[in-house]
Amino acid sequence: MLSFLKREKSKQLEDKLNDAQRRTGWEDLPEDELFTPAGFRSEDAEATASSNYSYWGSTFRAFLKNKAAVALLIALAAVVAFAFLQPYLPGQADPNLCAVDPVTGIQYRNIAPGQDGFVWGSNSIGQDLWARIWAGARTSLTIAFFVALIEAVVGITAGVLWGYVRGLDFVFTELYNIFDNIPTAIVLILISYVATPSIWTMILGMSIKGWIEMARFIRNQILIIRDRDYNVASRCIGTPTVRIVFRNLLPYLVSVIMLRMALTIPEAIGNEVFITYIGLGLSVETPSLGNLVNDGRKVMMQAGLRYQLLYPTLILSFVTIAFYLIGNSFSDAADPKNHLQ
């Protein structure tokens, strides 16, 4: 019964088509007029087959939805920009200048904030804390940025080789075991004793261990995705290793790399404060947040002088917390699993 109905339906459709042909006179048209070539353009074909998805565009859209992180980023950018522009503004004092009272000729000592032209007060030898704190912020941020850059370049390169090239696993594992058994504080102390304390000495001391820790972190992430089907397929068809790394592996690690770098900056600032706190950091002629916190610690028990610890601590706390929170937010935004198309 079902096959009979199908045949009847097919016959009805064929009859309708024949009637339409007779009414329009299709059967009388020549062959070359029955069809018109539509043409073909490869650009149009690709346009209809491709997606308008952009990884970085989606990442920034996801990040901008977090209003608190955006506001914190703007505030952090303003603080960092002001720290580097401050010495070029009019009316700024030399951070190492020991000011003298022009009337009495006596050196200023522990001037309270807002008095005698000292916005954030002065220390015990008449140095302007406003100028010293921003100079210290520049020093600490410079150290942190260079440490993060070195750890990113060296650590990511070594981590990719460590995780992807099986023959190098033994070499990097032994290097990691050696470096991991030496505490970071001991390395910083030894570097400070061996070399003259300076900004580049601090950067060297922090980077010696930092790159291997970053490399191990990247290596563990590479091992997770190294043998997935698309990477195996790429190796089977002869795709160069460099292309596999940059197109198949690293894009999946952008979020964790950003988070790691964002955490490296406050960690480097904390290390600089620690090594200066124990008396092995930068000299007093080089203002840093570590020097200022250490100086403020010595007078913190005197109620009228606590501002010498308060102001550098506020700048230090804001910068470290801001980098941590912004890094977490950007890491979440860079995760492809959180992108909605």
C-alpha atoms as a PDB file:
ATOM      1  CA  MET A   1       0.000   0.000   0.000  1.00  0.00           C
ATOM      2  CA  LEU A   2       2.823   2.386   0.918  1.00  0.00           C
ATOM      3  CA  SER A   3       4.734   1.768  -2.313  1.00  0.00           C
ATOM      4  CA  PHE A   4       1.511   2.366  -4.299  1.00  0.00           C
ATOM      5  CA  LEU A   5       1.033   5.761  -2.627  1.00  0.00           C
ATOM      6  CA  LYS A   6       4.655   6.690  -3.376  1.00  0.00           C
ATOM      7  CA  ARG A   7       4.237   5.844  -7.033  1.00  0.00           C
ATOM      8  CA  GLU A   8       1.016   7.861  -7.244  1.00  0.00           C
ATOM      9  CA  LYS A   9       2.628  10.850  -5.570  1.00  0.00           C
ATOM     10  CA  SER A  10       5.616  10.638  -7.907  1.00  0.00           C
ATOM     11  CA  LYS A  11       3.319  10.434 -10.942  1.00  0.00           C
ATOM     12  CA  GLN A  12       1.373  13.497  -9.783  1.00  0.00           C
ATOM     13  CA  LEU A  13       4.567  15.524  -9.366  1.00  0.00           C
ATOM     14  CA  GLU A  14       5.822  14.434 -12.799  1.00  0.00           C
ATOM     15  CA  ASP A  15       2.534  15.446 -14.391  1.00  0.00           C
ATOM     16  CA  LYS A  16       2.699  18.878 -12.749  1.00  0.00           C
ATOM     17  CA  LEU A  17       6.230  19.369 -14.033  1.00  0.00           C
ATOM     18  CA  ASN A  18       5.222  18.402 -17.582  1.00  0.00           C
ATOM     19  CA  ASP A  19       2.283  20.814 -17.462  1.00  0.00           C
ATOM     20  CA  ALA A  20       4.582  23.623 -16.318  1.00  0.00           C
ATOM     21  CA  GLN A  21       6.986  22.868 -19.160  1.00  0.00           C
ATOM     22  CA  ARG A  22       4.208  22.982 -21.725  1.00  0.00           C
ATOM     23  CA  ARG A  23       2.909  26.295 -20.397  1.00  0.00           C
ATOM     24  CA  THR A  24       6.311  27.983 -20.377  1.00  0.00           C
ATOM     25  CA  GLY A  25       7.619  26.358 -23.513  1.00  0.00           C
ATOM     26  CA  TRP A  26      10.803  24.985 -21.905  1.00  0.00           C
ATOM     27  CA  GLU A  27      10.929  22.091 -24.320  1.00  0.00           C
ATOM     28  CA  ASP A  28      11.216  24.497 -27.258  1.00  0.00           C
ATOM     29  CA  LEU A  29      14.250  26.371 -25.874  1.00  0.00           C
ATOM     30  CA  PRO A  30      17.753  25.521 -27.162  1.00  0.00           C
ATOM     31  CA  GLU A  31      20.097  23.662 -24.817  1.00  0.00           C
ATOM     32  CA  ASP A  32      22.395  26.642 -24.129  1.00  0.00           C
ATOM     33  CA  GLU A  33      19.431  28.745 -22.945  1.00  0.00           C
ATOM     34  CA  LEU A  34      18.046  26.254 -20.480  1.00  0.00           C
ATOM     35  CA  PHE A  35      20.789  26.972 -17.849  1.00  0.00           C
ATOM     36  CA  THR A  36      22.815  30.071 -17.008  1.00  0.00           C
ATOM     37  CA  PRO A  37      26.257  29.465 -15.409  1.00  0.00           C
ATOM     38  CA  ALA A  38      26.333  30.995 -11.932  1.00  0.00           C
ATOM     39  CA  GLY A  39      30.122  31.502 -11.922  1.00  0.00           C
ATOM     40  CA  PHE A  40      32.587  30.816  -9.110  1.00  0.00           C
ATOM     41  CA  ARG A  41      34.825  33.045  -6.981  1.00  0.00           C
ATOM     42  CA  SER A  42      37.158  31.467  -4.447  1.00  0.00           C
ATOM     43  CA  GLU A  43      36.957  34.570  -2.210  1.00  0.00           C
ATOM     44  CA  ASP A  44      33.180  34.195  -1.916  1.00  0.00           C
ATOM     45  CA  ALA A  45      33.508  30.501  -1.170  1.00  0.00           C
ATOM     46  CA  GLU A  46      35.987  31.165   1.636  1.00  0.00           C
ATOM     47  CA  ALA A  47      33.887  33.984   2.994  1.00  0.00           C
ATOM     48  CA  THR A  48      30.842  31.765   3.293  1.00  0.00           C
ATOM     49  CA  ALA A  49      32.841  28.898   4.807  1.00  0.00           C
ATOM     50  CA  SER A  50      34.927  30.813   7.371  1.00  0.00           C
ATOM     51  CA  SER A  51      33.953  32.100  10.799  1.00  0.00           C
ATOM     52  CA  ASN A  52      34.319  35.687  11.964  1.00  0.00           C
ATOM     53  CA  TYR A  53      35.587  34.444  15.344  1.00  0.00           C
ATOM     54  CA  SER A  54      38.709  36.215  16.617  1.00  0.00           C
ATOM     55  CA  TYR A  55      40.514  34.760  19.625  1.00  0.00           C
ATOM     56  CA  TRP A  56      41.973  38.044  20.875  1.00  0.00           C
ATOM     57  CA  GLY A  57      38.794  39.932  20.053  1.00  0.00           C
ATOM     58  CA  SER A  58      36.773  37.464  22.079  1.00  0.00           C
ATOM     59  CA  THR A  59      39.344  37.592  24.880  1.00  0.00           C
ATOM     60  CA  PHE A  60      39.170  41.369  25.201  1.00  0.00           C
ATOM     61  CA  ARG A  61      35.354  41.350  24.990  1.00  0.00           C
ATOM     62  CA  ALA A  62      35.223  38.824  27.826  1.00  0.00           C
ATOM     63  CA  PHE A  63      37.690  40.858  29.878  1.00  0.00           C
ATOM     64  CA  LEU A  64      35.827  44.132  29.337  1.00  0.00           C
ATOM     65  CA  LYS A  65      32.676  42.555  30.771  1.00  0.00           C
ATOM     66  CA  ASN A  66      34.434  42.424  34.147  1.00  0.00           C
ATOM     67  CA  LYS A  67      33.913  46.044  35.202  1.00  0.00           C
ATOM     68  CA  ALA A  68      35.873  45.698  38.435  1.00  0.00           C
ATOM     69  CA  ALA A  69      38.932  44.324  36.613  1.00  0.00           C
ATOM     70  CA  VAL A  70      38.736  47.081  33.992  1.00  0.00           C
ATOM     71  CA  ALA A  71      38.533  49.778  36.678  1.00  0.00           C
ATOM     72  CA  LEU A  72      41.464  48.204  38.513  1.00  0.00           C
ATOM     73  CA  LEU A  73      43.465  48.050  35.275  1.00  0.00           C
ATOM     74  CA  ILE A  74      42.839  51.748  34.609  1.00  0.00           C
ATOM     75  CA  ALA A  75      43.911  52.652  38.143  1.00  0.00           C
ATOM     76  CA  LEU A  76      47.035  50.472  37.899  1.00  0.00           C
ATOM     77  CA  ALA A  77      47.963  51.947  34.517  1.00  0.00           C
ATOM     78  CA  ALA A  78      47.559  55.444  35.966  1.00  0.00           C
ATOM     79  CA  VAL A  79      49.814  54.621  38.941  1.00  0.00           C
ATOM     80  CA  VAL A  80      52.496  53.018  36.765  1.00  0.00           C
ATOM     81  CA  ALA A  81      52.386  55.865  34.220  1.00  0.00           C
ATOM     82  CA  PHE A  82      52.579  58.505  36.952  1.00  0.00           C
ATOM     83  CA  ALA A  83      55.520  56.714  38.588  1.00  0.00           C
ATOM     84  CA  PHE A  84      57.556  56.983  35.383  1.00  0.00           C
ATOM     85  CA  LEU A  85      56.356  60.478  34.438  1.00  0.00           C
ATOM     86  CA  GLN A  86      56.666  62.020  37.926  1.00  0.00           C
ATOM     87  CA  PRO A  87      60.297  63.249  37.670  1.00  0.00           C
ATOM     88  CA  TYR A  88      59.449  65.179  34.477  1.00  0.00           C
ATOM     89  CA  LEU A  89      56.584  67.099  36.075  1.00  0.00           C
ATOM     90  CA  PRO A  90      57.251  70.674  37.276  1.00  0.00           C
ATOM     91  CA  GLY A  91      58.089  71.287  40.909  1.00  0.00           C
ATOM     92  CA  GLN A  92      59.396  67.806  41.698  1.00  0.00           C
ATOM     93  CA  ALA A  93      62.233  67.396  44.203  1.00  0.00           C
ATOM     94  CA  ASP A  94      65.325  65.244  43.860  1.00  0.00           C
ATOM     95  CA  PRO A  95      64.638  62.012  45.809  1.00  0.00           C
ATOM     96  CA  ASN A  96      68.185  62.038  47.254  1.00  0.00           C
ATOM     97  CA  LEU A  97      68.274  65.744  48.126  1.00  0.00           C
ATOM     98  CA  CYS A  98      68.539  66.464  51.857  1.00  0.00           C
ATOM     99  CA  ALA A  99      66.529  69.675  52.140  1.00  0.00           C
ATOM    100  CA  VAL A 100      67.565  72.502  54.451  1.00  0.00           C
ATOM    101  CA  ASP A 101      65.354  75.107  56.063  1.00  0.00           C
ATOM    102  CA  PRO A 102      66.141  78.331  54.117  1.00  0.00           C
ATOM    103  CA  VAL A 103      65.454  80.477  57.186  1.00  0.00           C
ATOM    104  CA  THR A 104      67.482  78.701  59.864  1.00  0.00           C
ATOM    105  CA  GLY A 105      69.879  76.753  57.623  1.00  0.00           C
ATOM    106  CA  ILE A 106      69.126  73.606  59.630  1.00  0.00           C
ATOM    107  CA  GLN A 107      68.405  70.351  57.870  1.00  0.00           C
ATOM    108  CA  TYR A 108      64.765  69.281  57.884  1.00  0.00           C
ATOM    109  CA  ARG A 109      63.982  66.248  60.076  1.00  0.00           C
ATOM    110  CA  ASN A 110      60.800  64.143  59.974  1.00  0.00           C
ATOM    111  CA  ILE A 111      58.527  66.870  58.611  1.00  0.00           C
ATOM    112  CA  ALA A 112      54.871  65.836  58.819  1.00  0.00           C
ATOM    113  CA  PRO A 113      52.890  65.408  55.560  1.00  0.00           C
ATOM    114  CA  GLY A 114      51.603  68.673  54.125  1.00  0.00           C
ATOM    115  CA  GLN A 115      54.065  70.930  55.962  1.00  0.00           C
ATOM    116  CA  ASP A 116      56.871  73.051  54.483  1.00  0.00           C
ATOM    117  CA  GLY A 117      56.071  71.851  50.974  1.00  0.00           C
ATOM    118  CA  PHE A 118      56.465  68.133  51.748  1.00  0.00           C
ATOM    119  CA  VAL A 119      53.326  66.459  50.342  1.00  0.00           C
ATOM    120  CA  TRP A 120      53.971  63.116  52.054  1.00  0.00           C
ATOM    121  CA  GLY A 121      56.407  64.442  54.643  1.00  0.00           C
ATOM    122  CA  SER A 122      60.142  63.874  54.895  1.00  0.00           C
ATOM    123  CA  ASN A 123      62.422  61.332  56.505  1.00  0.00           C
ATOM    124  CA  SER A 124      64.980  61.891  59.243  1.00  0.00           C
ATOM    125  CA  ILE A 125      67.516  63.546  56.894  1.00  0.00           C
ATOM    126  CA  GLY A 126      65.099  65.854  55.067  1.00  0.00           C
ATOM    127  CA  GLN A 127      64.514  63.803  51.907  1.00  0.00           C
ATOM    128  CA  ASP A 128      61.113  64.311  50.267  1.00  0.00           C
ATOM    129  CA  LEU A 129      59.064  61.121  50.727  1.00  0.00           C
ATOM    130  CA  TRP A 130      56.809  62.003  47.778  1.00  0.00           C
ATOM    131  CA  ALA A 131      59.786  61.959  45.414  1.00  0.00           C
ATOM    132  CA  ARG A 132      61.418  58.947  47.079  1.00  0.00           C
ATOM    133  CA  ILE A 133      58.274  56.797  47.035  1.00  0.00           C
ATOM    134  CA  TRP A 134      57.649  57.369  43.329  1.00  0.00           C
ATOM    135  CA  ALA A 135      61.343  56.832  42.576  1.00  0.00           C
ATOM    136  CA  GLY A 136      61.172  53.628  44.607  1.00  0.00           C
ATOM    137  CA  ALA A 137      58.102  52.523  42.699  1.00  0.00           C
ATOM    138  CA  ARG A 138      59.973  53.074  39.426  1.00  0.00           C
ATOM    139  CA  THR A 139      62.898  50.989  40.673  1.00  0.00           C
ATOM    140  CA  SER A 140      60.757  48.120  41.950  1.00  0.00           C
ATOM    141  CA  LEU A 141      58.564  48.070  38.842  1.00  0.00           C
ATOM    142  CA  THR A 142      61.615  48.089  36.569  1.00  0.00           C
ATOM    143  CA  ILE A 143      63.059  45.105  38.420  1.00  0.00           C
ATOM    144  CA  ALA A 144      59.710  43.281  38.319  1.00  0.00           C
ATOM    145  CA  PHE A 145      59.098  43.913  34.609  1.00  0.00           C
ATOM    146  CA  PHE A 146      62.555  42.720  33.565  1.00  0.00           C
ATOM    147  CA  VAL A 147      62.318  39.626  35.770  1.00  0.00           C
ATOM    148  CA  ALA A 148      58.911  38.773  34.281  1.00  0.00           C
ATOM    149  CA  LEU A 149      60.228  39.333  30.740  1.00  0.00           C
ATOM    150  CA  ILE A 150      63.284  37.116  31.263  1.00  0.00           C
ATOM    151  CA  GLU A 151      61.234  34.379  32.895  1.00  0.00           C
ATOM    152  CA  ALA A 152      58.682  34.509  30.065  1.00  0.00           C
ATOM    153  CA  VAL A 153      61.200  34.364  27.195  1.00  0.00           C
ATOM    154  CA  VAL A 154      63.630  31.855  28.685  1.00  0.00           C
ATOM    155  CA  GLY A 155      61.110  29.866  30.703  1.00  0.00           C
ATOM    156  CA  ILE A 156      58.545  29.409  27.931  1.00  0.00           C
ATOM    157  CA  THR A 157      61.220  28.449  25.387  1.00  0.00           C
ATOM    158  CA  ALA A 158      62.818  25.927  27.754  1.00  0.00           C
ATOM    159  CA  GLY A 159      59.424  24.643  28.905  1.00  0.00           C
ATOM    160  CA  VAL A 160      58.234  23.955  25.365  1.00  0.00           C
ATOM    161  CA  LEU A 161      61.460  22.103  24.520  1.00  0.00           C
ATOM    162  CA  TRP A 162      61.303  20.220  27.809  1.00  0.00           C
ATOM    163  CA  GLY A 163      57.736  19.090  27.284  1.00  0.00           C
ATOM    164  CA  TYR A 164      57.718  18.445  23.533  1.00  0.00           C
ATOM    165  CA  VAL A 165      61.195  17.066  22.773  1.00  0.00           C
ATOM    166  CA  ARG A 166      61.420  13.803  24.699  1.00  0.00           C
ATOM    167  CA  GLY A 167      65.210  13.600  24.387  1.00  0.00           C
ATOM    168  CA  LEU A 168      65.665  16.754  26.485  1.00  0.00           C
ATOM    169  CA  ASP A 169      63.528  15.569  29.382  1.00  0.00           C
ATOM    170  CA  PHE A 170      66.455  14.092  31.339  1.00  0.00           C
ATOM    171  CA  VAL A 171      68.630  17.209  30.979  1.00  0.00           C
ATOM    172  CA  PHE A 172      65.951  19.674  32.092  1.00  0.00           C
ATOM    173  CA  THR A 173      64.762  17.382  34.882  1.00  0.00           C
ATOM    174  CA  GLU A 174      68.238  17.258  36.384  1.00  0.00           C
ATOM    175  CA  LEU A 175      68.591  21.044  36.060  1.00  0.00           C
ATOM    176  CA  TYR A 176      65.276  21.491  37.809  1.00  0.00           C
ATOM    177  CA  ASN A 177      66.248  19.126  40.633  1.00  0.00           C
ATOM    178  CA  ILE A 178      69.446  21.112  41.207  1.00  0.00           C
ATOM    179  CA  PHE A 179      67.810  24.540  41.203  1.00  0.00           C
ATOM    180  CA  ASP A 180      64.714  23.445  43.127  1.00  0.00           C
ATOM    181  CA  ASN A 181      66.772  22.278  46.104  1.00  0.00           C
ATOM    182  CA  ILE A 182      68.271  25.758  46.580  1.00  0.00           C
ATOM    183  CA  PRO A 183      65.910  28.187  48.379  1.00  0.00           C
ATOM    184  CA  THR A 184      65.257  31.443  46.551  1.00  0.00           C
ATOM    185  CA  ALA A 185      66.318  33.463  49.605  1.00  0.00           C
ATOM    186  CA  ILE A 186      69.717  31.739  49.637  1.00  0.00           C
ATOM    187  CA  VAL A 187      70.255  32.532  45.942  1.00  0.00           C
ATOM    188  CA  LEU A 188      69.392  36.196  46.471  1.00  0.00           C
ATOM    189  CA  ILE A 189      71.661  36.438  49.506  1.00  0.00           C
ATOM    190  CA  LEU A 190      74.580  34.804  47.671  1.00  0.00           C
ATOM    191  CA  ILE A 191      74.160  37.061  44.644  1.00  0.00           C
ATOM    192  CA  SER A 192      74.080  40.112  46.923  1.00  0.00           C
ATOM    193  CA  TYR A 193      77.318  39.007  48.625  1.00  0.00           C
ATOM    194  CA  VAL A 194      79.160  38.072  45.433  1.00  0.00           C
ATOM    195  CA  ALA A 195      78.160  41.074  43.301  1.00  0.00           C
ATOM    196  CA  THR A 196      77.701  44.721  44.156  1.00  0.00           C
ATOM    197  CA  PRO A 197      74.022  45.354  44.982  1.00  0.00           C
ATOM    198  CA  SER A 198      72.348  47.026  42.018  1.00  0.00           C
ATOM    199  CA  ILE A 199      69.200  46.821  39.955  1.00  0.00           C
ATOM    200  CA  TRP A 200      70.762  44.366  37.485  1.00  0.00           C
ATOM    201  CA  THR A 201      72.150  42.249  40.316  1.00  0.00           C
ATOM    202  CA  MET A 202      68.647  41.940  41.751  1.00  0.00           C
ATOM    203  CA  ILE A 203      67.232  41.043  38.336  1.00  0.00           C
ATOM    204  CA  LEU A 204      69.911  38.375  37.863  1.00  0.00           C
ATOM    205  CA  GLY A 205      69.341  36.873  41.291  1.00  0.00           C
ATOM    206  CA  MET A 206      65.581  36.619  40.839  1.00  0.00           C
ATOM    207  CA  SER A 207      65.807  35.244  37.294  1.00  0.00           C
ATOM    208  CA  ILE A 208      68.273  32.444  38.090  1.00  0.00           C
ATOM    209  CA  LYS A 209      65.562  30.340  39.706  1.00  0.00           C
ATOM    210  CA  GLY A 210      62.509  31.930  38.171  1.00  0.00           C
ATOM    211  CA  TRP A 211      63.068  30.682  34.613  1.00  0.00           C
ATOM    212  CA  ILE A 212      63.329  27.011  35.621  1.00  0.00           C
ATOM    213  CA  GLU A 213      60.128  27.260  37.633  1.00  0.00           C
ATOM    214  CA  MET A 214      58.358  28.804  34.655  1.00  0.00           C
ATOM    215  CA  ALA A 215      59.830  26.107  32.380  1.00  0.00           C
ATOM    216  CA  ARG A 216      58.511  23.318  34.593  1.00  0.00           C
ATOM    217  CA  PHE A 217      55.087  24.934  34.692  1.00  0.00           C
ATOM    218  CA  ILE A 218      54.961  25.183  30.875  1.00  0.00           C
ATOM    219  CA  ARG A 219      56.367  21.642  30.508  1.00  0.00           C
ATOM    220  CA  ASN A 220      53.522  20.204  32.594  1.00  0.00           C
ATOM    221  CA  GLN A 221      50.957  22.011  30.446  1.00  0.00           C
ATOM    222  CA  ILE A 222      52.629  20.828  27.224  1.00  0.00           C
ATOM    223  CA  LEU A 223      52.549  17.203  28.397  1.00  0.00           C
ATOM    224  CA  ILE A 224      48.785  17.422  28.825  1.00  0.00           C
ATOM    225  CA  ILE A 225      48.098  18.414  25.196  1.00  0.00           C
ATOM    226  CA  ARG A 226      51.208  17.109  23.372  1.00  0.00           C
ATOM    227  CA  ASP A 227      49.720  13.791  22.243  1.00  0.00           C
ATOM    228  CA  ARG A 228      46.198  14.863  21.447  1.00  0.00           C
ATOM    229  CA  ASP A 229      44.783  13.714  18.121  1.00  0.00           C
ATOM    230  CA  TYR A 230      45.323  16.949  16.213  1.00  0.00           C
ATOM    231  CA  ASN A 231      49.000  17.105  17.268  1.00  0.00           C
ATOM    232  CA  VAL A 232      49.565  13.463  16.294  1.00  0.00           C
ATOM    233  CA  ALA A 233      47.895  14.147  12.940  1.00  0.00           C
ATOM    234  CA  SER A 234      50.113  17.202  12.402  1.00  0.00           C
ATOM    235  CA  ARG A 235      53.254  15.155  13.035  1.00  0.00           C
ATOM    236  CA  CYS A 236      52.050  12.386  10.717  1.00  0.00           C
ATOM    237  CA  ILE A 237      51.614  14.741   7.762  1.00  0.00           C
ATOM    238  CA  GLY A 238      55.055  16.269   8.336  1.00  0.00           C
ATOM    239  CA  THR A 239      54.127  19.615   9.906  1.00  0.00           C
ATOM    240  CA  PRO A 240      57.304  21.381  11.154  1.00  0.00           C
ATOM    241  CA  THR A 241      57.791  21.316  14.922  1.00  0.00           C
ATOM    242  CA  VAL A 242      57.941  25.119  15.120  1.00  0.00           C
ATOM    243  CA  ARG A 243      54.539  25.397  13.451  1.00  0.00           C
ATOM    244  CA  ILE A 244      53.041  22.790  15.784  1.00  0.00           C
ATOM    245  CA  VAL A 245      54.348  24.677  18.794  1.00  0.00           C
ATOM    246  CA  PHE A 246      53.091  28.102  17.703  1.00  0.00           C
ATOM    247  CA  ARG A 247      49.793  26.996  16.145  1.00  0.00           C
ATOM    248  CA  ASN A 248      48.775  23.936  18.154  1.00  0.00           C
ATOM    249  CA  LEU A 249      50.350  24.230  21.595  1.00  0.00           C
ATOM    250  CA  LEU A 250      50.988  27.808  22.709  1.00  0.00           C
ATOM    251  CA  PRO A 251      47.504  29.193  21.866  1.00  0.00           C
ATOM    252  CA  TYR A 252      46.056  26.789  24.419  1.00  0.00           C
ATOM    253  CA  LEU A 253      48.468  28.075  27.071  1.00  0.00           C
ATOM    254  CA  VAL A 254      47.911  31.830  26.697  1.00  0.00           C
ATOM    255  CA  SER A 255      45.632  32.010  29.730  1.00  0.00           C
ATOM    256  CA  VAL A 256      47.971  30.147  32.093  1.00  0.00           C
ATOM    257  CA  ILE A 257      51.028  32.028  30.779  1.00  0.00           C
ATOM    258  CA  MET A 258      49.320  35.382  31.378  1.00  0.00           C
ATOM    259  CA  LEU A 259      48.381  34.331  34.888  1.00  0.00           C
ATOM    260  CA  ARG A 260      51.916  33.160  35.632  1.00  0.00           C
ATOM    261  CA  MET A 261      53.459  36.413  34.356  1.00  0.00           C
ATOM    262  CA  ALA A 262      50.949  38.498  36.313  1.00  0.00           C
ATOM    263  CA  LEU A 263      51.976  36.652  39.476  1.00  0.00           C
ATOM    264  CA  THR A 264      55.697  37.018  38.702  1.00  0.00           C
ATOM    265  CA  ILE A 265      55.583  40.832  38.935  1.00  0.00           C
ATOM    266  CA  PRO A 266      54.273  41.079  42.526  1.00  0.00           C
ATOM    267  CA  GLU A 267      56.513  38.145  43.497  1.00  0.00           C
ATOM    268  CA  ALA A 268      59.577  40.012  42.191  1.00  0.00           C
ATOM    269  CA  ILE A 269      58.554  43.154  44.073  1.00  0.00           C
ATOM    270  CA  GLY A 270      58.099  41.079  47.228  1.00  0.00           C
ATOM    271  CA  ASN A 271      61.549  39.508  46.800  1.00  0.00           C
ATOM    272  CA  GLU A 272      63.118  42.951  46.390  1.00  0.00           C
ATOM    273  CA  VAL A 273      61.399  44.146  49.574  1.00  0.00           C
ATOM    274  CA  PHE A 274      62.544  41.020  51.438  1.00  0.00           C
ATOM    275  CA  ILE A 275      66.196  41.184  50.406  1.00  0.00           C
ATOM    276  CA  THR A 276      66.315  44.891  51.271  1.00  0.00           C
ATOM    277  CA  TYR A 277      64.529  44.232  54.552  1.00  0.00           C
ATOM    278  CA  ILE A 278      67.364  41.957  55.691  1.00  0.00           C
ATOM    279  CA  GLY A 279      69.935  44.585  54.712  1.00  0.00           C
ATOM    280  CA  LEU A 280      71.294  43.042  51.491  1.00  0.00           C
ATOM    281  CA  GLY A 281      69.313  44.941  48.896  1.00  0.00           C
ATOM    282  CA  LEU A 282      69.906  48.149  47.026  1.00  0.00           C
ATOM    283  CA  SER A 283      71.952  50.954  48.543  1.00  0.00           C
ATOM    284  CA  VAL A 284      70.218  53.914  50.140  1.00  0.00           C
ATOM    285  CA  GLU A 285      71.212  56.062  47.146  1.00  0.00           C
ATOM    286  CA  THR A 286      68.851  53.959  45.003  1.00  0.00           C
ATOM    287  CA  PRO A 287      65.307  54.453  46.297  1.00  0.00           C
ATOM    288  CA  SER A 288      63.127  51.361  46.167  1.00  0.00           C
ATOM    289  CA  LEU A 289      59.960  50.232  47.879  1.00  0.00           C
ATOM    290  CA  GLY A 290      62.074  47.774  49.830  1.00  0.00           C
ATOM    291  CA  ASN A 291      64.335  50.551  51.150  1.00  0.00           C
ATOM    292  CA  LEU A 292      61.376  52.716  52.058  1.00  0.00           C
ATOM    293  CA  VAL A 293      59.513  49.925  53.848  1.00  0.00           C
ATOM    294  CA  ASN A 294      62.688  49.042  55.733  1.00  0.00           C
ATOM    295  CA  ASP A 295      63.203  52.678  56.788  1.00  0.00           C
ATOM    296  CA  GLY A 296      59.549  52.994  57.816  1.00  0.00           C
ATOM    297  CA  ARG A 297      59.800  49.805  59.890  1.00  0.00           C
ATOM    298  CA  LYS A 298      62.463  51.408  62.072  1.00  0.00           C
ATOM    299  CA  VAL A 299      60.158  54.269  63.148  1.00  0.00           C
ATOM    300  CA  MET A 300      56.789  52.503  63.080  1.00  0.00           C
ATOM    301  CA  MET A 301      56.537  52.479  66.881  1.00  0.00           C
ATOM    302  CA  GLN A 302      56.498  56.283  66.947  1.00  0.00           C
ATOM    303  CA  ALA A 303      52.936  57.431  66.276  1.00  0.00           C
ATOM    304  CA  GLY A 304      53.951  60.688  64.600  1.00  0.00           C
ATOM    305  CA  LEU A 305      56.308  58.956  62.148  1.00  0.00           C
ATOM    306  CA  ARG A 306      54.170  56.038  60.983  1.00  0.00           C
ATOM    307  CA  TYR A 307      53.442  57.851  57.743  1.00  0.00           C
ATOM    308  CA  GLN A 308      56.960  56.863  56.611  1.00  0.00           C
ATOM    309  CA  LEU A 309      55.784  53.239  56.576  1.00  0.00           C
ATOM    310  CA  LEU A 310      52.166  53.868  55.588  1.00  0.00           C
ATOM    311  CA  TYR A 311      52.625  55.540  52.202  1.00  0.00           C
ATOM    312  CA  PRO A 312      55.162  53.133  50.624  1.00  0.00           C
ATOM    313  CA  THR A 313      53.162  50.193  51.998  1.00  0.00           C
ATOM    314  CA  LEU A 314      49.985  51.497  50.362  1.00  0.00           C
ATOM    315  CA  ILE A 315      51.696  51.810  46.959  1.00  0.00           C
ATOM    316  CA  LEU A 316      53.330  48.397  47.355  1.00  0.00           C
ATOM    317  CA  SER A 317      50.072  46.716  48.413  1.00  0.00           C
ATOM    318  CA  PHE A 318      48.032  48.295  45.627  1.00  0.00           C
ATOM    319  CA  VAL A 319      50.488  47.324  42.871  1.00  0.00           C
ATOM    320  CA  THR A 320      50.895  43.716  44.015  1.00  0.00           C
ATOM    321  CA  ILE A 321      47.179  43.095  44.630  1.00  0.00           C
ATOM    322  CA  ALA A 322      46.183  44.806  41.377  1.00  0.00           C
ATOM    323  CA  PHE A 323      48.550  42.693  39.279  1.00  0.00           C
ATOM    324  CA  TYR A 324      47.242  39.533  40.952  1.00  0.00           C
ATOM    325  CA  LEU A 325      43.549  40.325  40.434  1.00  0.00           C
ATOM    326  CA  ILE A 326      43.984  41.613  36.878  1.00  0.00           C
ATOM    327  CA  GLY A 327      46.077  38.553  35.996  1.00  0.00           C
ATOM    328  CA  ASN A 328      43.352  36.238  37.265  1.00  0.00           C
ATOM    329  CA  SER A 329      40.651  38.104  35.355  1.00  0.00           C
ATOM    330  CA  PHE A 330      42.634  38.163  32.106  1.00  0.00           C
ATOM    331  CA  SER A 331      43.486  34.486  32.497  1.00  0.00           C
ATOM    332  CA  ASP A 332      39.795  33.630  32.735  1.00  0.00           C
ATOM    333  CA  ALA A 333      39.013  35.835  29.741  1.00  0.00           C
ATOM    334  CA  ALA A 334      41.786  34.232  27.654  1.00  0.00           C
ATOM    335  CA  ASP A 335      40.526  30.713  28.300  1.00  0.00           C
ATOM    336  CA  PRO A 336      38.862  29.584  25.015  1.00  0.00           C
ATOM    337  CA  LYS A 337      36.295  27.585  26.982  1.00  0.00           C
ATOM    338  CA  ASN A 338      34.845  30.853  28.282  1.00  0.00           C
ATOM    339  CA  HIS A 339      34.388  32.362  24.796  1.00  0.00           C
ATOM    340  CA  LEU A 340      30.884  32.551  23.410  1.00  0.00           C
ATOM    341  CA  GLN A 341      30.493  32.883  19.669  1.00  0.00           C
END
